[in-house]
Amino acid sequence: MSWSLSILDKSPIAEGASAHDALRFSVRLAQRAEALGYRRYWIAEHHGAPGLASSAPEIVVSHLLAHTSKIRVGSGGVMLQHYSPFKVAESFRVLASLAPGRVDLGVGKAPGGLPLTTRALQWFHDKQKKPDFAHQLAELDAFLKWGVAEDHPLAGAIALPVPPEAPQRILLGGSPESARLAAQHDWQFCYAGHFNGDEANIGRSLDAYRDATGRTPLLALYAFAAASREEARKHVGALRIFKLQLSTGQSVNLPSPEAAAEFARQTGVSEYRLDELHPHVLAGTADEIRAELDALHARFGIEEFVIDTPVTDYALRLASIERLAGAEIAARV
């Protein structure tokens, strides 16, 4: 096998559908992905997004584990800044006890929503005690193993139960700094190419992780397969991401100029810069996408791609993963 495929699912709510419909389709898609030989199925975390049903990935992960039997299921990822690392460790140790050997704990640094939802999620946080992301990740790593060091204020707290096999730990990021942080704690690293497709940055990030661990990261990217390139591009459309740069130095990726303006308003910042980005999307026939994945494998040594499908129509999403599974099978020969 030269490379394998996995899926990242935001549980988008299609036009005229409900959150119930979206989550029910996620179950159907995960079951089909399992039958087709996909390796993993991840649920993303987003807050305050009317078009997405994935605000609590650990709940959806539990449901998908109960409705599948072989495929790895996990978060892509838990937005760690909002939560107690101890509680995240407990939740995923329970999941790993329910389905040993099948659970992935993916975590990310982003807020996954606008400032008001972040404020609501962190309403009871003691800002004086809240650590930065690197320290949160270190605490989470310690609780997933056994516990924090004896000189830590939480020494003696043990996250239970102890599963037969620990969840696989994956850090999702888009920079060499994130890659090195993953390597520091011996976590797997998944580069978020669907948000930052700059090949130079991809190369630096993958090299940073590979140099530190000797292992190859995963690469997440947008891909959509159709019967023809023209049909694929028609359904994908002009996919855009807007990078908001606040005068405070904070930056965040948002789906529209309106969302960026609202983010700035909720932050209380009037001066900001907005850069329109066009993320790279593999859109075409399954054979064309396979050729692009082969090229990425040859250039960067990627052995596993995590596919985010940038369309909301359920029939089109299902048809795309079925077509891509054919490309994956061909790549294994």
Protein backbone atom coordinates (compact mmCIF):
# COMPACT_ATOMS: atom_id res chain seq x y z
CA MET A 1 0.00 0.00 0.00
CA SER A 2 1.39 3.41 -0.93
CA TRP A 3 -1.13 5.47 1.05
CA SER A 4 -4.48 5.13 2.83
CA LEU A 5 -7.56 7.32 3.15
CA SER A 6 -9.49 8.62 6.14
CA ILE A 7 -12.43 11.04 6.50
CA LEU A 8 -12.98 14.30 8.38
CA ASP A 9 -16.69 15.06 8.82
CA LYS A 10 -18.11 18.37 10.06
CA SER A 11 -21.68 16.96 9.89
CA PRO A 12 -22.89 19.79 7.62
CA ILE A 13 -26.63 20.44 7.51
CA ALA A 14 -27.71 20.29 3.87
CA GLU A 15 -30.22 22.74 2.44
CA GLY A 16 -33.70 21.87 3.70
CA ALA A 17 -32.33 19.35 6.22
CA SER A 18 -32.07 19.37 10.02
CA ALA A 19 -29.32 18.60 12.52
CA HIS A 20 -30.98 15.20 13.00
CA ASP A 21 -30.67 14.53 9.27
CA ALA A 22 -27.02 15.60 9.28
CA LEU A 23 -26.05 13.35 12.18
CA ARG A 24 -28.02 10.43 10.79
CA PHE A 25 -26.14 10.86 7.52
CA SER A 26 -22.82 10.91 9.42
CA VAL A 27 -23.71 7.45 10.74
CA ARG A 28 -24.53 6.24 7.24
CA LEU A 29 -21.34 7.74 5.82
CA ALA A 30 -19.19 6.19 8.57
CA GLN A 31 -20.73 2.78 7.94
CA ARG A 32 -20.11 3.10 4.21
CA ALA A 33 -16.54 4.30 4.81
CA GLU A 34 -15.92 1.25 6.98
CA ALA A 35 -17.24 -1.08 4.27
CA LEU A 36 -15.04 0.64 1.67
CA GLY A 37 -11.83 0.28 3.67
CA TYR A 38 -11.25 3.80 4.96
CA ARG A 39 -8.93 3.82 7.96
CA ARG A 40 -10.40 6.51 10.23
CA TYR A 41 -13.52 8.61 10.58
CA TRP A 42 -13.12 11.88 12.47
CA ILE A 43 -15.75 14.32 13.71
CA ALA A 44 -14.83 18.02 13.80
CA GLU A 45 -15.79 20.48 16.55
CA HIS A 46 -17.49 23.76 15.68
CA HIS A 47 -19.49 26.14 17.88
CA GLY A 48 -22.22 28.62 16.99
CA ALA A 49 -22.27 27.47 13.35
CA PRO A 50 -25.91 27.12 12.17
CA GLY A 51 -24.86 24.99 9.20
CA LEU A 52 -22.99 22.36 11.22
CA ALA A 53 -24.19 19.75 13.71
CA SER A 54 -20.80 18.88 15.23
CA SER A 55 -20.56 20.98 18.40
CA ALA A 56 -19.92 17.97 20.67
CA PRO A 57 -17.69 15.49 18.80
CA GLU A 58 -17.21 13.11 21.74
CA ILE A 59 -20.96 12.39 21.77
CA VAL A 60 -21.05 11.77 18.02
CA VAL A 61 -17.91 9.59 18.29
CA SER A 62 -19.63 7.41 20.89
CA HIS A 63 -22.67 7.00 18.63
CA LEU A 64 -20.55 6.15 15.58
CA LEU A 65 -18.53 3.59 17.54
CA ALA A 66 -21.81 1.89 18.49
CA HIS A 67 -22.88 1.76 14.83
CA THR A 68 -19.60 0.51 13.34
CA SER A 69 -17.30 -2.38 14.19
CA LYS A 70 -13.83 -1.95 12.64
CA ILE A 71 -13.05 1.58 11.49
CA ARG A 72 -11.17 3.89 13.87
CA VAL A 73 -13.40 6.76 15.06
CA GLY A 74 -12.34 9.95 16.77
CA SER A 75 -12.26 13.71 17.05
CA GLY A 76 -10.73 15.96 14.45
CA GLY A 77 -10.39 17.59 16.84
CA VAL A 78 -11.38 18.56 20.35
CA MET A 79 -10.73 22.31 20.78
CA LEU A 80 -8.65 21.89 23.92
CA GLN A 81 -8.54 25.55 24.98
CA HIS A 82 -12.15 25.32 26.17
CA TYR A 83 -11.86 22.28 28.41
CA SER A 84 -10.22 20.72 31.40
CA PRO A 85 -7.51 18.35 30.13
CA PHE A 86 -8.52 15.99 32.94
CA LYS A 87 -12.12 15.80 31.66
CA VAL A 88 -11.00 15.27 28.05
CA ALA A 89 -8.75 12.41 29.25
CA GLU A 90 -11.66 10.87 31.18
CA SER A 91 -14.05 11.13 28.22
CA PHE A 92 -11.70 9.49 25.75
CA ARG A 93 -10.61 6.83 28.22
CA VAL A 94 -14.28 5.89 28.55
CA LEU A 95 -14.62 5.80 24.76
CA ALA A 96 -11.48 3.66 24.48
CA SER A 97 -12.94 1.30 27.08
CA LEU A 98 -16.15 1.00 25.07
CA ALA A 99 -14.28 0.29 21.81
CA PRO A 100 -10.69 -0.78 22.54
CA GLY A 101 -8.26 -0.19 19.72
CA ARG A 102 -10.61 2.00 17.68
CA VAL A 103 -10.54 5.44 19.32
CA ASP A 104 -8.58 8.51 18.17
CA LEU A 105 -8.21 11.64 20.28
CA GLY A 106 -7.40 14.49 17.94
CA VAL A 107 -6.96 17.93 19.51
CA GLY A 108 -6.55 21.40 18.06
CA LYS A 109 -5.63 24.88 19.19
CA ALA A 110 -8.31 26.92 17.37
CA PRO A 111 -11.47 28.16 19.13
CA GLY A 112 -13.83 26.57 16.61
CA GLY A 113 -16.26 29.48 16.81
CA LEU A 114 -16.78 33.20 17.35
CA PRO A 115 -15.71 35.07 20.51
CA LEU A 116 -19.17 34.89 22.14
CA THR A 117 -19.22 31.10 21.93
CA THR A 118 -15.66 30.98 23.25
CA ARG A 119 -16.73 33.23 26.12
CA ALA A 120 -19.69 30.99 26.86
CA LEU A 121 -17.54 27.85 26.79
CA GLN A 122 -14.95 29.41 29.09
CA TRP A 123 -17.34 31.39 31.31
CA PHE A 124 -16.25 29.69 34.54
CA HIS A 125 -12.54 29.60 33.73
CA ASP A 126 -10.19 31.27 36.14
CA LYS A 127 -8.20 33.40 33.70
CA GLN A 128 -5.32 33.62 36.17
CA LYS A 129 -4.95 29.83 36.24
CA LYS A 130 -5.74 28.99 32.62
CA PRO A 131 -2.52 27.72 30.96
CA ASP A 132 -1.55 28.23 27.34
CA PHE A 133 -2.15 25.51 24.77
CA ALA A 134 1.28 23.90 25.17
CA HIS A 135 0.74 23.47 28.91
CA GLN A 136 -2.81 22.18 28.38
CA LEU A 137 -1.49 19.58 25.94
CA ALA A 138 1.18 18.53 28.44
CA GLU A 139 -1.48 18.10 31.14
CA LEU A 140 -3.73 16.13 28.80
CA ASP A 141 -0.84 13.89 27.81
CA ALA A 142 0.00 13.25 31.47
CA PHE A 143 -3.60 12.41 32.41
CA LEU A 144 -3.93 10.06 29.43
CA LYS A 145 -0.88 8.17 30.70
CA TRP A 146 -1.36 8.17 34.48
CA GLY A 147 -1.11 11.59 36.10
CA VAL A 148 0.77 14.85 36.36
CA ALA A 149 4.13 15.24 38.12
CA GLU A 150 4.35 15.32 41.91
CA ASP A 151 5.11 19.05 41.97
CA HIS A 152 1.95 19.87 39.94
CA PRO A 153 -1.04 21.33 41.87
CA LEU A 154 -3.21 18.47 40.51
CA ALA A 155 -0.80 15.70 41.50
CA GLY A 156 -2.67 12.59 42.57
CA ALA A 157 -5.69 13.12 40.30
CA ILE A 158 -6.08 10.05 38.07
CA ALA A 159 -8.29 10.01 34.94
CA LEU A 160 -10.25 6.74 34.99
CA PRO A 161 -11.14 4.22 33.72
CA VAL A 162 -7.99 2.63 32.33
CA PRO A 163 -8.90 1.24 28.88
CA PRO A 164 -7.46 -2.00 27.45
CA GLU A 165 -5.79 0.16 24.78
CA ALA A 166 -5.24 3.90 25.06
CA PRO A 167 -6.76 6.22 22.46
CA GLN A 168 -4.35 7.24 19.73
CA ARG A 169 -3.22 10.82 20.34
CA ILE A 170 -3.10 13.18 17.35
CA LEU A 171 -2.32 16.90 17.31
CA LEU A 172 -3.92 18.83 14.45
CA GLY A 173 -1.96 21.88 13.36
CA GLY A 174 -0.64 23.94 10.49
CA SER A 175 2.87 25.01 11.41
CA PRO A 176 6.35 23.68 12.25
CA GLU A 177 5.74 24.81 15.84
CA SER A 178 2.70 22.53 16.12
CA ALA A 179 4.67 19.69 14.54
CA ARG A 180 7.46 20.09 17.09
CA LEU A 181 4.95 20.25 19.95
CA ALA A 182 3.38 16.97 18.78
CA ALA A 183 6.82 15.38 18.57
CA GLN A 184 7.76 16.65 22.04
CA HIS A 185 4.93 14.60 23.59
CA ASP A 186 5.23 11.69 21.13
CA TRP A 187 1.83 12.42 19.59
CA GLN A 188 0.97 11.74 15.96
CA PHE A 189 0.70 14.93 13.89
CA CYS A 190 -1.89 15.78 11.25
CA TYR A 191 -1.12 18.80 9.09
CA ALA A 192 -4.26 20.85 8.35
CA GLY A 193 -3.71 21.30 4.63
CA HIS A 194 -7.37 22.18 4.09
CA PHE A 195 -6.71 25.47 5.94
CA ASN A 196 -3.09 26.13 4.98
CA GLY A 197 -2.15 24.58 1.67
CA ASP A 198 1.08 26.52 1.21
CA GLU A 199 3.49 23.84 0.03
CA ALA A 200 6.53 25.51 1.55
CA ASN A 201 4.85 25.56 4.96
CA ILE A 202 3.67 21.97 4.50
CA GLY A 203 7.24 20.92 3.77
CA ARG A 204 8.67 22.75 6.79
CA SER A 205 6.02 21.32 9.11
CA LEU A 206 6.34 17.75 7.88
CA ASP A 207 10.13 17.94 8.03
CA ALA A 208 10.02 19.29 11.59
CA TYR A 209 7.93 16.32 12.71
CA ARG A 210 9.82 13.72 10.69
CA ASP A 211 13.21 15.01 11.86
CA ALA A 212 12.13 14.78 15.50
CA THR A 213 10.34 11.42 15.39
CA GLY A 214 11.35 9.53 12.26
CA ARG A 215 7.63 9.16 11.50
CA THR A 216 5.45 10.61 8.76
CA PRO A 217 2.53 12.91 9.66
CA LEU A 218 -0.98 12.66 8.29
CA LEU A 219 -2.17 15.28 5.80
CA ALA A 220 -5.74 16.64 5.86
CA LEU A 221 -7.04 18.23 2.66
CA TYR A 222 -10.16 19.06 0.71
CA ALA A 223 -11.13 16.57 -2.00
CA PHE A 224 -14.26 15.93 -4.02
CA ALA A 225 -14.63 13.31 -6.74
CA ALA A 226 -17.30 13.35 -9.44
CA ALA A 227 -17.89 11.76 -12.82
CA SER A 228 -15.93 14.56 -14.54
CA ARG A 229 -13.62 17.42 -13.60
CA GLU A 230 -16.20 19.95 -14.79
CA GLU A 231 -18.92 18.44 -12.61
CA ALA A 232 -16.63 18.33 -9.58
CA ARG A 233 -15.60 21.97 -9.95
CA LYS A 234 -19.20 23.04 -10.46
CA HIS A 235 -20.27 21.50 -7.15
CA VAL A 236 -17.25 22.71 -5.20
CA GLY A 237 -17.53 26.27 -6.53
CA ALA A 238 -15.13 29.03 -5.50
CA LEU A 239 -14.13 27.79 -2.07
CA ARG A 240 -12.75 30.65 0.00
CA ILE A 241 -11.36 31.15 3.50
CA PHE A 242 -10.89 34.59 5.04
CA LYS A 243 -7.91 35.11 7.33
CA LEU A 244 -8.73 37.78 9.88
CA GLN A 245 -5.73 39.64 11.32
CA LEU A 246 -6.73 41.71 14.35
CA SER A 247 -4.76 44.70 15.57
CA THR A 248 -4.18 42.74 18.81
CA GLY A 249 -2.05 40.26 16.85
CA GLN A 250 -4.67 37.50 16.92
CA SER A 251 -5.47 35.78 13.63
CA VAL A 252 -8.22 33.33 12.76
CA ASN A 253 -9.65 31.68 9.63
CA LEU A 254 -13.35 32.33 8.93
CA PRO A 255 -15.77 31.29 6.17
CA SER A 256 -16.97 34.74 5.05
CA PRO A 257 -16.28 38.49 5.33
CA GLU A 258 -19.47 38.78 7.38
CA ALA A 259 -18.21 36.19 9.87
CA ALA A 260 -14.88 38.03 10.05
CA ALA A 261 -16.59 41.35 10.76
CA GLU A 262 -18.72 39.71 13.44
CA PHE A 263 -15.67 38.09 15.01
CA ALA A 264 -13.95 41.48 15.19
CA ARG A 265 -17.10 43.11 16.62
CA GLN A 266 -17.45 40.45 19.33
CA THR A 267 -13.77 40.86 20.18
CA GLY A 268 -14.21 44.62 20.50
CA VAL A 269 -11.67 45.40 17.79
CA SER A 270 -12.44 47.94 15.06
CA GLU A 271 -9.18 47.76 13.11
CA TYR A 272 -8.32 44.57 11.28
CA ARG A 273 -7.01 43.19 8.02
CA LEU A 274 -8.80 40.56 5.98
CA ASP A 275 -6.96 38.33 3.50
CA GLU A 276 -8.95 36.20 1.09
CA LEU A 277 -7.44 32.75 0.72
CA HIS A 278 -8.31 30.09 -1.82
CA PRO A 279 -7.54 26.71 -0.26
CA HIS A 280 -6.38 24.04 -2.63
CA VAL A 281 -9.13 21.53 -3.41
CA LEU A 282 -8.57 18.27 -5.22
CA ALA A 283 -11.62 18.31 -7.48
CA GLY A 284 -12.01 16.00 -10.45
CA THR A 285 -12.47 12.35 -11.27
CA ALA A 286 -11.25 9.70 -8.84
CA ASP A 287 -8.34 8.91 -11.15
CA GLU A 288 -7.32 12.58 -11.30
CA ILE A 289 -7.43 12.88 -7.52
CA ARG A 290 -5.50 9.65 -7.16
CA ALA A 291 -2.77 11.10 -9.38
CA GLU A 292 -2.57 14.22 -7.17
CA LEU A 293 -2.40 12.09 -4.01
CA ASP A 294 0.32 9.99 -5.62
CA ALA A 295 2.26 13.19 -6.32
CA LEU A 296 1.89 14.37 -2.71
CA HIS A 297 2.96 10.94 -1.51
CA ALA A 298 6.03 11.06 -3.74
CA ARG A 299 6.96 14.61 -2.73
CA PHE A 300 6.28 14.50 1.02
CA GLY A 301 6.16 10.79 1.83
CA ILE A 302 2.56 11.03 3.10
CA GLU A 303 1.14 7.61 3.93
CA GLU A 304 -2.34 8.69 5.06
CA PHE A 305 -4.63 11.44 3.75
CA VAL A 306 -7.61 12.71 5.75
CA ILE A 307 -10.30 13.87 3.32
CA ASP A 308 -12.65 16.77 4.07
CA THR A 309 -15.42 16.91 1.46
CA PRO A 310 -16.30 20.57 0.70
CA VAL A 311 -19.92 20.01 -0.36
CA THR A 312 -23.02 19.62 1.80
CA ASP A 313 -25.33 17.58 -0.46
CA TYR A 314 -25.55 14.11 1.09
CA ALA A 315 -25.83 12.13 -2.14
CA LEU A 316 -22.83 13.93 -3.64
CA ARG A 317 -20.72 13.40 -0.49
CA LEU A 318 -21.53 9.68 -0.44
CA ALA A 319 -20.79 9.29 -4.16
CA SER A 320 -17.46 11.08 -3.71
CA ILE A 321 -16.17 8.79 -0.94
CA GLU A 322 -17.29 5.78 -2.98
CA ARG A 323 -15.36 7.00 -6.01
CA LEU A 324 -12.30 7.81 -3.90
CA ALA A 325 -12.40 4.36 -2.35
CA GLY A 326 -11.95 2.96 -5.83
CA ALA A 327 -8.87 5.16 -6.23
CA GLU A 328 -7.58 3.98 -2.85
CA ILE A 329 -8.03 0.32 -3.81
CA ALA A 330 -6.18 0.94 -7.07
CA ALA A 331 -3.34 2.62 -5.17
CA ARG A 332 -2.87 -0.47 -3.01
CA VAL A 333 -2.19 -2.78 -5.96
